[in-house]
């Protein structure tokens, strides 16, 4: 399994723990957008998952949920390359979340980088 997802056994187990936490937050309708992720996933070397490169040198963004969404997208591309999950997530963030600026909410609190929309969703 781990070779399929381009991560070590330890990283894969850590990813699953972190994604389980993300799932629990969502399942219980808790606030997610700026939550600190306590059990942060271990990142693989950049060459194994280039889409996660932006998180390697930024501890603040590693502690936010956007990285978990990027890991989910990485896993989706490996397991189901034809999935539209990433495109639907991008549309949701662009069309729904960005309309909340009047409440002083922004995607920065979620841990996005400046080029998040240019990612290969």
PDB file of N, CA and C in Angstrom:
ATOM      1  N   UNK A   1       0.816  -1.191   0.000  1.00  0.00           N
ATOM      2  CA  UNK A   1       0.000   0.000   0.000  1.00  0.00           C
ATOM      3  C   UNK A   1       0.863   1.260   0.000  1.00  0.00           C
ATOM      4  N   UNK A   2       1.880   1.294   0.856  1.00  0.00           N
ATOM      5  CA  UNK A   2       2.665   2.515   0.983  1.00  0.00           C
ATOM      6  C   UNK A   2       3.392   2.874  -0.303  1.00  0.00           C
ATOM      7  N   UNK A   3       3.847   1.868  -1.089  1.00  0.00           N
ATOM      8  CA  UNK A   3       4.534   2.199  -2.337  1.00  0.00           C
ATOM      9  C   UNK A   3       3.573   2.846  -3.326  1.00  0.00           C
ATOM     10  N   UNK A   4       2.319   2.450  -3.257  1.00  0.00           N
ATOM     11  CA  UNK A   4       1.312   3.056  -4.121  1.00  0.00           C
ATOM     12  C   UNK A   4       1.123   4.523  -3.788  1.00  0.00           C
ATOM     13  N   UNK A   5       1.167   4.867  -2.513  1.00  0.00           N
ATOM     14  CA  UNK A   5       0.919   6.243  -2.081  1.00  0.00           C
ATOM     15  C   UNK A   5       2.192   7.063  -1.948  1.00  0.00           C
ATOM     16  N   UNK A   6       3.319   6.512  -2.324  1.00  0.00           N
ATOM     17  CA  UNK A   6       4.626   7.170  -2.285  1.00  0.00           C
ATOM     18  C   UNK A   6       4.989   7.705  -0.899  1.00  0.00           C
ATOM     19  N   UNK A   7       4.813   6.875   0.099  1.00  0.00           N
ATOM     20  CA  UNK A   7       5.251   7.283   1.440  1.00  0.00           C
ATOM     21  C   UNK A   7       5.670   6.044   2.223  1.00  0.00           C
ATOM     22  N   UNK A   8       6.456   6.261   3.265  1.00  0.00           N
ATOM     23  CA  UNK A   8       6.917   5.156   4.099  1.00  0.00           C
ATOM     24  C   UNK A   8       5.772   4.646   4.967  1.00  0.00           C
ATOM     25  N   UNK A   9       5.992   3.513   5.619  1.00  0.00           N
ATOM     26  CA  UNK A   9       4.978   2.952   6.514  1.00  0.00           C
ATOM     27  C   UNK A   9       4.660   3.946   7.630  1.00  0.00           C
ATOM     28  N   UNK A  10       5.700   4.535   8.209  1.00  0.00           N
ATOM     29  CA  UNK A  10       5.509   5.497   9.302  1.00  0.00           C
ATOM     30  C   UNK A  10       4.732   6.726   8.812  1.00  0.00           C
ATOM     31  N   UNK A  11       5.090   7.243   7.645  1.00  0.00           N
ATOM     32  CA  UNK A  11       4.380   8.405   7.090  1.00  0.00           C
ATOM     33  C   UNK A  11       2.939   8.058   6.771  1.00  0.00           C
ATOM     34  N   UNK A  12       2.737   6.894   6.196  1.00  0.00           N
ATOM     35  CA  UNK A  12       1.383   6.472   5.822  1.00  0.00           C
ATOM     36  C   UNK A  12       0.496   6.354   7.066  1.00  0.00           C
ATOM     37  N   UNK A  13       1.024   5.762   8.120  1.00  0.00           N
ATOM     38  CA  UNK A  13       0.254   5.632   9.361  1.00  0.00           C
ATOM     39  C   UNK A  13      -0.062   7.009   9.944  1.00  0.00           C
ATOM     40  N   UNK A  14       0.906   7.895   9.890  1.00  0.00           N
ATOM     41  CA  UNK A  14       0.707   9.255  10.395  1.00  0.00           C
ATOM     42  C   UNK A  14      -0.331   9.994   9.552  1.00  0.00           C
ATOM     43  N   UNK A  15      -0.281   9.816   8.228  1.00  0.00           N
ATOM     44  CA  UNK A  15      -1.277  10.434   7.337  1.00  0.00           C
ATOM     45  C   UNK A  15      -2.673   9.949   7.700  1.00  0.00           C
ATOM     46  N   UNK A  16      -2.798   8.651   7.917  1.00  0.00           N
ATOM     47  CA  UNK A  16      -4.121   8.101   8.226  1.00  0.00           C
ATOM     48  C   UNK A  16      -4.652   8.622   9.561  1.00  0.00           C
ATOM     49  N   UNK A  17      -3.775   8.764  10.556  1.00  0.00           N
ATOM     50  CA  UNK A  17      -4.198   9.349  11.841  1.00  0.00           C
ATOM     51  C   UNK A  17      -4.670  10.789  11.655  1.00  0.00           C
ATOM     52  N   UNK A  18      -3.914  11.550  10.900  1.00  0.00           N
ATOM     53  CA  UNK A  18      -4.272  12.952  10.669  1.00  0.00           C
ATOM     54  C   UNK A  18      -5.555  13.075   9.860  1.00  0.00           C
ATOM     55  N   UNK A  19      -5.705  12.230   8.852  1.00  0.00           N
ATOM     56  CA  UNK A  19      -6.925  12.268   8.041  1.00  0.00           C
ATOM     57  C   UNK A  19      -8.131  11.794   8.848  1.00  0.00           C
ATOM     58  N   UNK A  20      -7.906  10.872   9.774  1.00  0.00           N
ATOM     59  CA  UNK A  20      -8.984  10.445  10.663  1.00  0.00           C
ATOM     60  C   UNK A  20      -9.435  11.615  11.542  1.00  0.00           C
ATOM     61  N   UNK A  21      -8.487  12.394  12.019  1.00  0.00           N
ATOM     62  CA  UNK A  21      -8.811  13.587  12.802  1.00  0.00           C
ATOM     63  C   UNK A  21      -9.629  14.565  11.957  1.00  0.00           C
ATOM     64  N   UNK A  22      -9.197  14.796  10.726  1.00  0.00           N
ATOM     65  CA  UNK A  22      -9.926  15.679   9.811  1.00  0.00           C
ATOM     66  C   UNK A  22     -11.345  15.176   9.600  1.00  0.00           C
ATOM     67  N   UNK A  23     -11.477  13.891   9.402  1.00  0.00           N
ATOM     68  CA  UNK A  23     -12.794  13.290   9.205  1.00  0.00           C
ATOM     69  C   UNK A  23     -13.682  13.502  10.426  1.00  0.00           C
ATOM     70  N   UNK A  24     -13.119  13.322  11.614  1.00  0.00           N
ATOM     71  CA  UNK A  24     -13.902  13.493  12.842  1.00  0.00           C
ATOM     72  C   UNK A  24     -14.361  14.935  13.029  1.00  0.00           C
ATOM     73  N   UNK A  25     -13.490  15.879  12.724  1.00  0.00           N
ATOM     74  CA  UNK A  25     -13.881  17.288  12.821  1.00  0.00           C
ATOM     75  C   UNK A  25     -15.056  17.558  11.888  1.00  0.00           C
ATOM     76  N   UNK A  26     -14.950  17.080  10.658  1.00  0.00           N
ATOM     77  CA  UNK A  26     -16.027  17.297   9.678  1.00  0.00           C
ATOM     78  C   UNK A  26     -17.300  16.553  10.071  1.00  0.00           C
ATOM     79  N   UNK A  27     -17.171  15.334  10.525  1.00  0.00           N
ATOM     80  CA  UNK A  27     -18.344  14.525  10.861  1.00  0.00           C
ATOM     81  C   UNK A  27     -19.141  15.117  12.015  1.00  0.00           C
ATOM     82  N   UNK A  28     -18.451  15.820  12.890  1.00  0.00           N
ATOM     83  CA  UNK A  28     -19.131  16.410  14.043  1.00  0.00           C
ATOM     84  C   UNK A  28     -19.446  17.891  13.829  1.00  0.00           C
ATOM     85  N   UNK A  29     -19.344  18.315  12.569  1.00  0.00           N
ATOM     86  CA  UNK A  29     -19.706  19.684  12.166  1.00  0.00           C
ATOM     87  C   UNK A  29     -18.975  20.746  12.973  1.00  0.00           C
ATOM     88  N   UNK A  30     -17.729  20.478  13.266  1.00  0.00           N
ATOM     89  CA  UNK A  30     -16.924  21.449  14.009  1.00  0.00           C
ATOM     90  C   UNK A  30     -16.281  22.445  13.048  1.00  0.00           C
ATOM     91  N   UNK A  31     -15.801  23.526  13.593  1.00  0.00           N
ATOM     92  CA  UNK A  31     -15.094  24.530  12.798  1.00  0.00           C
ATOM     93  C   UNK A  31     -13.781  23.916  12.307  1.00  0.00           C
ATOM     94  N   UNK A  32     -13.531  24.020  11.008  1.00  0.00           N
ATOM     95  CA  UNK A  32     -12.337  23.420  10.429  1.00  0.00           C
ATOM     96  C   UNK A  32     -11.380  24.457   9.869  1.00  0.00           C
ATOM     97  N   UNK A  33     -11.875  25.507   9.272  1.00  0.00           N
ATOM     98  CA  UNK A  33     -11.067  26.366   8.412  1.00  0.00           C
ATOM     99  C   UNK A  33      -9.793  26.885   9.053  1.00  0.00           C
ATOM    100  N   UNK A  34      -9.779  27.220  10.338  1.00  0.00           N
ATOM    101  CA  UNK A  34      -8.536  27.729  10.940  1.00  0.00           C
ATOM    102  C   UNK A  34      -8.086  26.898  12.145  1.00  0.00           C
ATOM    103  N   UNK A  35      -8.517  25.688  12.208  1.00  0.00           N
ATOM    104  CA  UNK A  35      -8.176  24.799  13.328  1.00  0.00           C
ATOM    105  C   UNK A  35      -6.697  24.410  13.262  1.00  0.00           C
ATOM    106  N   UNK A  36      -6.064  24.347  14.421  1.00  0.00           N
ATOM    107  CA  UNK A  36      -4.704  23.828  14.503  1.00  0.00           C
ATOM    108  C   UNK A  36      -4.760  22.309  14.484  1.00  0.00           C
ATOM    109  N   UNK A  37      -3.957  21.721  13.649  1.00  0.00           N
ATOM    110  CA  UNK A  37      -3.876  20.266  13.556  1.00  0.00           C
ATOM    111  C   UNK A  37      -2.782  19.818  14.523  1.00  0.00           C
ATOM    112  N   UNK A  38      -3.181  19.178  15.590  1.00  0.00           N
ATOM    113  CA  UNK A  38      -2.231  18.781  16.627  1.00  0.00           C
ATOM    114  C   UNK A  38      -1.390  17.600  16.161  1.00  0.00           C
ATOM    115  N   UNK A  39      -2.018  16.588  15.615  1.00  0.00           N
ATOM    116  CA  UNK A  39      -1.319  15.391  15.135  1.00  0.00           C
ATOM    117  C   UNK A  39      -0.977  15.607  13.661  1.00  0.00           C
ATOM    118  N   UNK A  40       0.103  16.336  13.426  1.00  0.00           N
ATOM    119  CA  UNK A  40       0.465  16.705  12.060  1.00  0.00           C
ATOM    120  C   UNK A  40       1.102  15.534  11.324  1.00  0.00           C
ATOM    121  N   UNK A  41       0.743  15.389  10.060  1.00  0.00           N
ATOM    122  CA  UNK A  41       1.308  14.290   9.285  1.00  0.00           C
ATOM    123  C   UNK A  41       2.780  14.509   8.965  1.00  0.00           C
ATOM    124  N   UNK A  42       3.505  13.419   8.891  1.00  0.00           N
ATOM    125  CA  UNK A  42       4.913  13.460   8.503  1.00  0.00           C
ATOM    126  C   UNK A  42       4.957  13.596   6.988  1.00  0.00           C
ATOM    127  N   UNK A  43       5.741  14.534   6.507  1.00  0.00           N
ATOM    128  CA  UNK A  43       5.818  14.758   5.068  1.00  0.00           C
ATOM    129  C   UNK A  43       6.895  13.879   4.443  1.00  0.00           C
ATOM    130  N   UNK A  44       6.609  13.295   3.288  1.00  0.00           N
ATOM    131  CA  UNK A  44       7.612  12.505   2.582  1.00  0.00           C
ATOM    132  C   UNK A  44       8.620  13.439   1.915  1.00  0.00           C
ATOM    133  N   UNK A  45       9.733  12.901   1.439  1.00  0.00           N
ATOM    134  CA  UNK A  45      10.675  13.742   0.694  1.00  0.00           C
ATOM    135  C   UNK A  45       9.974  14.408  -0.496  1.00  0.00           C
ATOM    136  N   UNK A  46      10.452  15.575  -0.861  1.00  0.00           N
ATOM    137  CA  UNK A  46       9.812  16.373  -1.914  1.00  0.00           C
ATOM    138  C   UNK A  46       9.666  15.591  -3.216  1.00  0.00           C
ATOM    139  N   UNK A  47      10.665  14.798  -3.582  1.00  0.00           N
ATOM    140  CA  UNK A  47      10.603  14.066  -4.849  1.00  0.00           C
ATOM    141  C   UNK A  47       9.484  13.022  -4.866  1.00  0.00           C
ATOM    142  N   UNK A  48       9.051  12.558  -3.711  1.00  0.00           N
ATOM    143  CA  UNK A  48       7.969  11.578  -3.653  1.00  0.00           C
ATOM    144  C   UNK A  48       6.593  12.219  -3.727  1.00  0.00           C
ATOM    145  N   UNK A  49       6.466  13.440  -3.241  1.00  0.00           N
ATOM    146  CA  UNK A  49       5.170  14.138  -3.264  1.00  0.00           C
ATOM    147  C   UNK A  49       5.418  15.631  -3.486  1.00  0.00           C
ATOM    148  N   UNK A  50       5.740  16.017  -4.738  1.00  0.00           N
ATOM    149  CA  UNK A  50       6.046  17.422  -5.020  1.00  0.00           C
ATOM    150  C   UNK A  50       4.904  18.371  -4.681  1.00  0.00           C
ATOM    151  N   UNK A  51       3.685  17.880  -4.696  1.00  0.00           N
ATOM    152  CA  UNK A  51       2.536  18.746  -4.403  1.00  0.00           C
ATOM    153  C   UNK A  51       2.518  19.209  -2.946  1.00  0.00           C
ATOM    154  N   UNK A  52       3.322  18.574  -2.104  1.00  0.00           N
ATOM    155  CA  UNK A  52       3.364  18.949  -0.687  1.00  0.00           C
ATOM    156  C   UNK A  52       4.598  19.785  -0.343  1.00  0.00           C
ATOM    157  N   UNK A  53       5.366  20.163  -1.361  1.00  0.00           N
ATOM    158  CA  UNK A  53       6.611  20.902  -1.164  1.00  0.00           C
ATOM    159  C   UNK A  53       6.413  22.186  -0.357  1.00  0.00           C
ATOM    160  N   UNK A  54       5.350  22.916  -0.614  1.00  0.00           N
ATOM    161  CA  UNK A  54       5.118  24.219   0.029  1.00  0.00           C
ATOM    162  C   UNK A  54       5.014  24.119   1.549  1.00  0.00           C
ATOM    163  N   UNK A  55       4.761  22.937   2.060  1.00  0.00           N
ATOM    164  CA  UNK A  55       4.566  22.774   3.503  1.00  0.00           C
ATOM    165  C   UNK A  55       5.845  22.402   4.252  1.00  0.00           C
ATOM    166  N   UNK A  56       6.894  22.029   3.528  1.00  0.00           N
ATOM    167  CA  UNK A  56       8.120  21.552   4.172  1.00  0.00           C
ATOM    168  C   UNK A  56       8.779  22.596   5.061  1.00  0.00           C
ATOM    169  N   UNK A  57       8.802  23.838   4.638  1.00  0.00           N
ATOM    170  CA  UNK A  57       9.531  24.868   5.377  1.00  0.00           C
ATOM    171  C   UNK A  57       8.631  25.832   6.139  1.00  0.00           C
ATOM    172  N   UNK A  58       7.371  25.498   6.289  1.00  0.00           N
ATOM    173  CA  UNK A  58       6.444  26.430   6.933  1.00  0.00           C
ATOM    174  C   UNK A  58       5.635  25.710   8.014  1.00  0.00           C
ATOM    175  N   UNK A  59       6.114  25.804   9.243  1.00  0.00           N
ATOM    176  CA  UNK A  59       5.465  25.109  10.363  1.00  0.00           C
ATOM    177  C   UNK A  59       4.044  25.605  10.592  1.00  0.00           C
ATOM    178  N   UNK A  60       3.803  26.879  10.353  1.00  0.00           N
ATOM    179  CA  UNK A  60       2.456  27.439  10.538  1.00  0.00           C
ATOM    180  C   UNK A  60       1.458  26.770   9.590  1.00  0.00           C
ATOM    181  N   UNK A  61       1.841  26.637   8.323  1.00  0.00           N
ATOM    182  CA  UNK A  61       0.921  26.009   7.362  1.00  0.00           C
ATOM    183  C   UNK A  61       0.796  24.506   7.585  1.00  0.00           C
ATOM    184  N   UNK A  62       1.840  23.879   8.099  1.00  0.00           N
ATOM    185  CA  UNK A  62       1.749  22.442   8.407  1.00  0.00           C
ATOM    186  C   UNK A  62       0.736  22.182   9.509  1.00  0.00           C
ATOM    187  N   UNK A  63       0.461  23.184  10.327  1.00  0.00           N
ATOM    188  CA  UNK A  63      -0.466  23.020  11.451  1.00  0.00           C
ATOM    189  C   UNK A  63      -1.897  23.386  11.078  1.00  0.00           C
ATOM    190  N   UNK A  64      -2.162  23.618   9.811  1.00  0.00           N
ATOM    191  CA  UNK A  64      -3.498  24.023   9.361  1.00  0.00           C
ATOM    192  C   UNK A  64      -4.111  22.960   8.452  1.00  0.00           C
ATOM    193  N   UNK A  65      -5.418  22.987   8.294  1.00  0.00           N
ATOM    194  CA  UNK A  65      -6.112  21.926   7.560  1.00  0.00           C
ATOM    195  C   UNK A  65      -5.851  21.875   6.057  1.00  0.00           C
ATOM    196  N   UNK A  66      -5.373  22.965   5.455  1.00  0.00           N
ATOM    197  CA  UNK A  66      -5.173  22.929   4.006  1.00  0.00           C
ATOM    198  C   UNK A  66      -4.183  21.838   3.607  1.00  0.00           C
ATOM    199  N   UNK A  67      -3.159  21.618   4.419  1.00  0.00           N
ATOM    200  CA  UNK A  67      -2.201  20.561   4.104  1.00  0.00           C
ATOM    201  C   UNK A  67      -2.895  19.196   4.069  1.00  0.00           C
ATOM    202  N   UNK A  68      -3.817  18.951   4.982  1.00  0.00           N
ATOM    203  CA  UNK A  68      -4.540  17.673   4.976  1.00  0.00           C
ATOM    204  C   UNK A  68      -5.406  17.544   3.729  1.00  0.00           C
ATOM    205  N   UNK A  69      -5.960  18.648   3.271  1.00  0.00           N
ATOM    206  CA  UNK A  69      -6.738  18.612   2.028  1.00  0.00           C
ATOM    207  C   UNK A  69      -5.826  18.310   0.844  1.00  0.00           C
ATOM    208  N   UNK A  70      -4.608  18.847   0.859  1.00  0.00           N
ATOM    209  CA  UNK A  70      -3.643  18.554  -0.203  1.00  0.00           C
ATOM    210  C   UNK A  70      -3.191  17.093  -0.150  1.00  0.00           C
ATOM    211  N   UNK A  71      -3.018  16.553   1.038  1.00  0.00           N
ATOM    212  CA  UNK A  71      -2.677  15.131   1.174  1.00  0.00           C
ATOM    213  C   UNK A  71      -3.825  14.277   0.649  1.00  0.00           C
ATOM    214  N   UNK A  72      -5.046  14.658   0.971  1.00  0.00           N
ATOM    215  CA  UNK A  72      -6.212  13.933   0.456  1.00  0.00           C
ATOM    216  C   UNK A  72      -6.210  13.958  -1.062  1.00  0.00           C
ATOM    217  N   UNK A  73      -5.919  15.119  -1.642  1.00  0.00           N
ATOM    218  CA  UNK A  73      -5.871  15.220  -3.104  1.00  0.00           C
ATOM    219  C   UNK A  73      -4.756  14.348  -3.671  1.00  0.00           C
ATOM    220  N   UNK A  74      -3.606  14.327  -3.010  1.00  0.00           N
ATOM    221  CA  UNK A  74      -2.495  13.478  -3.445  1.00  0.00           C
ATOM    222  C   UNK A  74      -2.930  12.009  -3.460  1.00  0.00           C
ATOM    223  N   UNK A  75      -3.580  11.569  -2.400  1.00  0.00           N
ATOM    224  CA  UNK A  75      -4.046  10.180  -2.329  1.00  0.00           C
ATOM    225  C   UNK A  75      -5.123   9.898  -3.372  1.00  0.00           C
ATOM    226  N   UNK A  76      -5.998  10.866  -3.599  1.00  0.00           N
ATOM    227  CA  UNK A  76      -7.051  10.680  -4.610  1.00  0.00           C
ATOM    228  C   UNK A  76      -6.449  10.531  -6.003  1.00  0.00           C
ATOM    229  N   UNK A  77      -5.419  11.309  -6.311  1.00  0.00           N
ATOM    230  CA  UNK A  77      -4.785  11.210  -7.634  1.00  0.00           C
ATOM    231  C   UNK A  77      -4.132   9.845  -7.833  1.00  0.00           C
ATOM    232  N   UNK A  78      -3.609   9.292  -6.759  1.00  0.00           N
ATOM    233  CA  UNK A  78      -2.961   7.984  -6.854  1.00  0.00           C
ATOM    234  C   UNK A  78      -4.000   6.872  -6.971  1.00  0.00           C
ATOM    235  N   UNK A  79      -5.048   6.938  -6.170  1.00  0.00           N
ATOM    236  CA  UNK A  79      -6.031   5.853  -6.144  1.00  0.00           C
ATOM    237  C   UNK A  79      -7.091   5.968  -7.227  1.00  0.00           C
ATOM    238  N   UNK A  80      -7.424   7.185  -7.626  1.00  0.00           N
ATOM    239  CA  UNK A  80      -8.469   7.393  -8.636  1.00  0.00           C
ATOM    240  C   UNK A  80      -8.132   8.639  -9.453  1.00  0.00           C
ATOM    241  N   UNK A  81      -7.229   8.496 -10.430  1.00  0.00           N
ATOM    242  CA  UNK A  81      -6.775   9.659 -11.199  1.00  0.00           C
ATOM    243  C   UNK A  81      -7.894  10.428 -11.907  1.00  0.00           C
ATOM    244  N   UNK A  82      -9.001   9.792 -12.168  1.00  0.00           N
ATOM    245  CA  UNK A  82     -10.094  10.482 -12.868  1.00  0.00           C
ATOM    246  C   UNK A  82     -11.058  11.187 -11.906  1.00  0.00           C
ATOM    247  N   UNK A  83     -10.771  11.141 -10.620  1.00  0.00           N
ATOM    248  CA  UNK A  83     -11.643  11.777  -9.630  1.00  0.00           C
ATOM    249  C   UNK A  83     -11.675  13.295  -9.826  1.00  0.00           C
ATOM    250  N   UNK A  84     -12.828  13.865  -9.612  1.00  0.00           N
ATOM    251  CA  UNK A  84     -12.976  15.325  -9.703  1.00  0.00           C
ATOM    252  C   UNK A  84     -12.992  15.961  -8.309  1.00  0.00           C
ATOM    253  N   UNK A  85     -12.608  15.215  -7.288  1.00  0.00           N
ATOM    254  CA  UNK A  85     -12.649  15.714  -5.918  1.00  0.00           C
ATOM    255  C   UNK A  85     -11.880  17.027  -5.768  1.00  0.00           C
ATOM    256  N   UNK A  86     -10.674  17.084  -6.286  1.00  0.00           N
ATOM    257  CA  UNK A  86      -9.852  18.288  -6.159  1.00  0.00           C
ATOM    258  C   UNK A  86     -10.468  19.492  -6.847  1.00  0.00           C
ATOM    259  N   UNK A  87     -11.012  19.276  -8.019  1.00  0.00           N
ATOM    260  CA  UNK A  87     -11.663  20.376  -8.744  1.00  0.00           C
ATOM    261  C   UNK A  87     -12.902  20.867  -7.995  1.00  0.00           C
ATOM    262  N   UNK A  88     -13.630  19.940  -7.401  1.00  0.00           N
ATOM    263  CA  UNK A  88     -14.813  20.335  -6.626  1.00  0.00           C
ATOM    264  C   UNK A  88     -14.414  21.080  -5.352  1.00  0.00           C
ATOM    265  N   UNK A  89     -13.330  20.646  -4.716  1.00  0.00           N
ATOM    266  CA  UNK A  89     -12.830  21.353  -3.535  1.00  0.00           C
ATOM    267  C   UNK A  89     -12.407  22.769  -3.910  1.00  0.00           C
ATOM    268  N   UNK A  90     -11.657  22.895  -5.001  1.00  0.00           N
ATOM    269  CA  UNK A  90     -11.213  24.218  -5.450  1.00  0.00           C
ATOM    270  C   UNK A  90     -12.414  25.124  -5.718  1.00  0.00           C
ATOM    271  N   UNK A  91     -13.419  24.601  -6.408  1.00  0.00           N
ATOM    272  CA  UNK A  91     -14.621  25.391  -6.706  1.00  0.00           C
ATOM    273  C   UNK A  91     -15.326  25.810  -5.418  1.00  0.00           C
ATOM    274  N   UNK A  92     -15.398  24.913  -4.465  1.00  0.00           N
ATOM    275  CA  UNK A  92     -16.034  25.233  -3.183  1.00  0.00           C
ATOM    276  C   UNK A  92     -15.286  26.361  -2.472  1.00  0.00           C
ATOM    277  N   UNK A  93     -13.967  26.257  -2.430  1.00  0.00           N
ATOM    278  CA  UNK A  93     -13.175  27.288  -1.764  1.00  0.00           C
ATOM    279  C   UNK A  93     -13.269  28.625  -2.493  1.00  0.00           C
ATOM    280  N   UNK A  94     -13.260  28.585  -3.822  1.00  0.00           N
ATOM    281  CA  UNK A  94     -13.336  29.825  -4.607  1.00  0.00           C
ATOM    282  C   UNK A  94     -14.717  30.470  -4.546  1.00  0.00           C
ATOM    283  N   UNK A  95     -15.742  29.666  -4.665  1.00  0.00           N
ATOM    284  CA  UNK A  95     -17.095  30.209  -4.813  1.00  0.00           C
ATOM    285  C   UNK A  95     -17.826  30.436  -3.502  1.00  0.00           C
ATOM    286  N   UNK A  96     -17.515  29.670  -2.492  1.00  0.00           N
ATOM    287  CA  UNK A  96     -18.237  29.794  -1.230  1.00  0.00           C
ATOM    288  C   UNK A  96     -17.414  30.505  -0.162  1.00  0.00           C
ATOM    289  N   UNK A  97     -16.205  30.035   0.038  1.00  0.00           N
ATOM    290  CA  UNK A  97     -15.422  30.572   1.148  1.00  0.00           C
ATOM    291  C   UNK A  97     -14.973  31.999   0.892  1.00  0.00           C
ATOM    292  N   UNK A  98     -14.608  32.305  -0.343  1.00  0.00           N
ATOM    293  CA  UNK A  98     -14.115  33.646  -0.630  1.00  0.00           C
ATOM    294  C   UNK A  98     -15.199  34.704  -0.474  1.00  0.00           C
ATOM    295  N   UNK A  99     -16.447  34.292  -0.402  1.00  0.00           N
ATOM    296  CA  UNK A  99     -17.541  35.235  -0.199  1.00  0.00           C
ATOM    297  C   UNK A  99     -17.726  35.599   1.270  1.00  0.00           C
ATOM    298  N   UNK A 100     -16.844  35.147   2.125  1.00  0.00           N
ATOM    299  CA  UNK A 100     -16.967  35.412   3.560  1.00  0.00           C
ATOM    300  C   UNK A 100     -15.993  36.486   4.043  1.00  0.00           C
ATOM    301  N   UNK A 101     -15.413  37.226   3.110  1.00  0.00           N
ATOM    302  CA  UNK A 101     -14.436  38.244   3.505  1.00  0.00           C
ATOM    303  C   UNK A 101     -15.068  39.351   4.342  1.00  0.00           C
ATOM    304  N   UNK A 102     -16.363  39.589   4.168  1.00  0.00           N
ATOM    305  CA  UNK A 102     -17.037  40.610   4.982  1.00  0.00           C
ATOM    306  C   UNK A 102     -17.081  40.223   6.462  1.00  0.00           C
ATOM    307  N   UNK A 103     -16.831  38.964   6.757  1.00  0.00           N
ATOM    308  CA  UNK A 103     -16.760  38.487   8.145  1.00  0.00           C
ATOM    309  C   UNK A 103     -15.312  38.383   8.627  1.00  0.00           C
ATOM    310  N   UNK A 104     -14.400  38.935   7.844  1.00  0.00           N
ATOM    311  CA  UNK A 104     -12.960  38.863   8.126  1.00  0.00           C
ATOM    312  C   UNK A 104     -12.434  37.432   8.146  1.00  0.00           C
ATOM    313  N   UNK A 105     -13.020  36.580   7.338  1.00  0.00           N
ATOM    314  CA  UNK A 105     -12.540  35.209   7.192  1.00  0.00           C
ATOM    315  C   UNK A 105     -11.802  35.115   5.867  1.00  0.00           C
ATOM    316  N   UNK A 106     -10.663  34.476   5.884  1.00  0.00           N
ATOM    317  CA  UNK A 106      -9.916  34.282   4.642  1.00  0.00           C
ATOM    318  C   UNK A 106      -9.302  32.889   4.639  1.00  0.00           C
ATOM    319  N   UNK A 107      -8.861  32.494   3.469  1.00  0.00           N
ATOM    320  CA  UNK A 107      -8.250  31.177   3.335  1.00  0.00           C
ATOM    321  C   UNK A 107      -6.858  31.118   3.967  1.00  0.00           C
ATOM    322  N   UNK A 108      -6.288  32.263   4.284  1.00  0.00           N
ATOM    323  CA  UNK A 108      -4.987  32.261   4.971  1.00  0.00           C
ATOM    324  C   UNK A 108      -5.068  31.502   6.291  1.00  0.00           C
ATOM    325  N   UNK A 109      -6.178  31.629   6.985  1.00  0.00           N
ATOM    326  CA  UNK A 109      -6.362  30.931   8.250  1.00  0.00           C
ATOM    327  C   UNK A 109      -6.401  29.422   8.090  1.00  0.00           C
ATOM    328  N   UNK A 110      -6.681  28.981   6.871  1.00  0.00           N
ATOM    329  CA  UNK A 110      -6.737  27.552   6.578  1.00  0.00           C
ATOM    330  C   UNK A 110      -5.351  26.997   6.241  1.00  0.00           C
ATOM    331  N   UNK A 111      -4.398  27.905   5.989  1.00  0.00           N
ATOM    332  CA  UNK A 111      -3.039  27.475   5.681  1.00  0.00           C
ATOM    333  C   UNK A 111      -2.722  27.425   4.206  1.00  0.00           C
ATOM    334  N   UNK A 112      -3.503  28.117   3.387  1.00  0.00           N
ATOM    335  CA  UNK A 112      -3.225  28.120   1.950  1.00  0.00           C
ATOM    336  C   UNK A 112      -1.989  28.960   1.666  1.00  0.00           C
ATOM    337  N   UNK A 113      -1.371  28.693   0.527  1.00  0.00           N
ATOM    338  CA  UNK A 113      -0.283  29.539   0.061  1.00  0.00           C
ATOM    339  C   UNK A 113      -0.842  30.477  -1.014  1.00  0.00           C
ATOM    340  N   UNK A 114      -0.039  31.409  -1.483  1.00  0.00           N
ATOM    341  CA  UNK A 114      -0.523  32.379  -2.461  1.00  0.00           C
ATOM    342  C   UNK A 114      -0.940  31.723  -3.769  1.00  0.00           C
ATOM    343  N   UNK A 115      -0.305  30.634  -4.123  1.00  0.00           N
ATOM    344  CA  UNK A 115      -0.570  29.979  -5.404  1.00  0.00           C
ATOM    345  C   UNK A 115      -1.484  28.766  -5.280  1.00  0.00           C
ATOM    346  N   UNK A 116      -2.288  28.704  -4.256  1.00  0.00           N
ATOM    347  CA  UNK A 116      -3.108  27.509  -4.034  1.00  0.00           C
ATOM    348  C   UNK A 116      -4.031  27.222  -5.217  1.00  0.00           C
ATOM    349  N   UNK A 117      -4.502  28.255  -5.911  1.00  0.00           N
ATOM    350  CA  UNK A 117      -5.418  28.042  -7.032  1.00  0.00           C
ATOM    351  C   UNK A 117      -4.705  27.472  -8.251  1.00  0.00           C
ATOM    352  N   UNK A 118      -3.385  27.611  -8.303  1.00  0.00           N
ATOM    353  CA  UNK A 118      -2.608  27.110  -9.441  1.00  0.00           C
ATOM    354  C   UNK A 118      -2.197  25.651  -9.259  1.00  0.00           C
ATOM    355  N   UNK A 119      -2.505  25.089  -8.115  1.00  0.00           N
ATOM    356  CA  UNK A 119      -2.172  23.678  -7.872  1.00  0.00           C
ATOM    357  C   UNK A 119      -2.854  22.784  -8.898  1.00  0.00           C
ATOM    358  N   UNK A 120      -2.302  21.624  -9.099  1.00  0.00           N
ATOM    359  CA  UNK A 120      -2.878  20.656 -10.042  1.00  0.00           C
ATOM    360  C   UNK A 120      -4.019  19.919  -9.354  1.00  0.00           C
ATOM    361  N   UNK A 121      -5.166  20.549  -9.323  1.00  0.00           N
ATOM    362  CA  UNK A 121      -6.337  19.974  -8.682  1.00  0.00           C
ATOM    363  C   UNK A 121      -6.932  18.940  -9.602  1.00  0.00           C
TER     364      UNK A 121
END
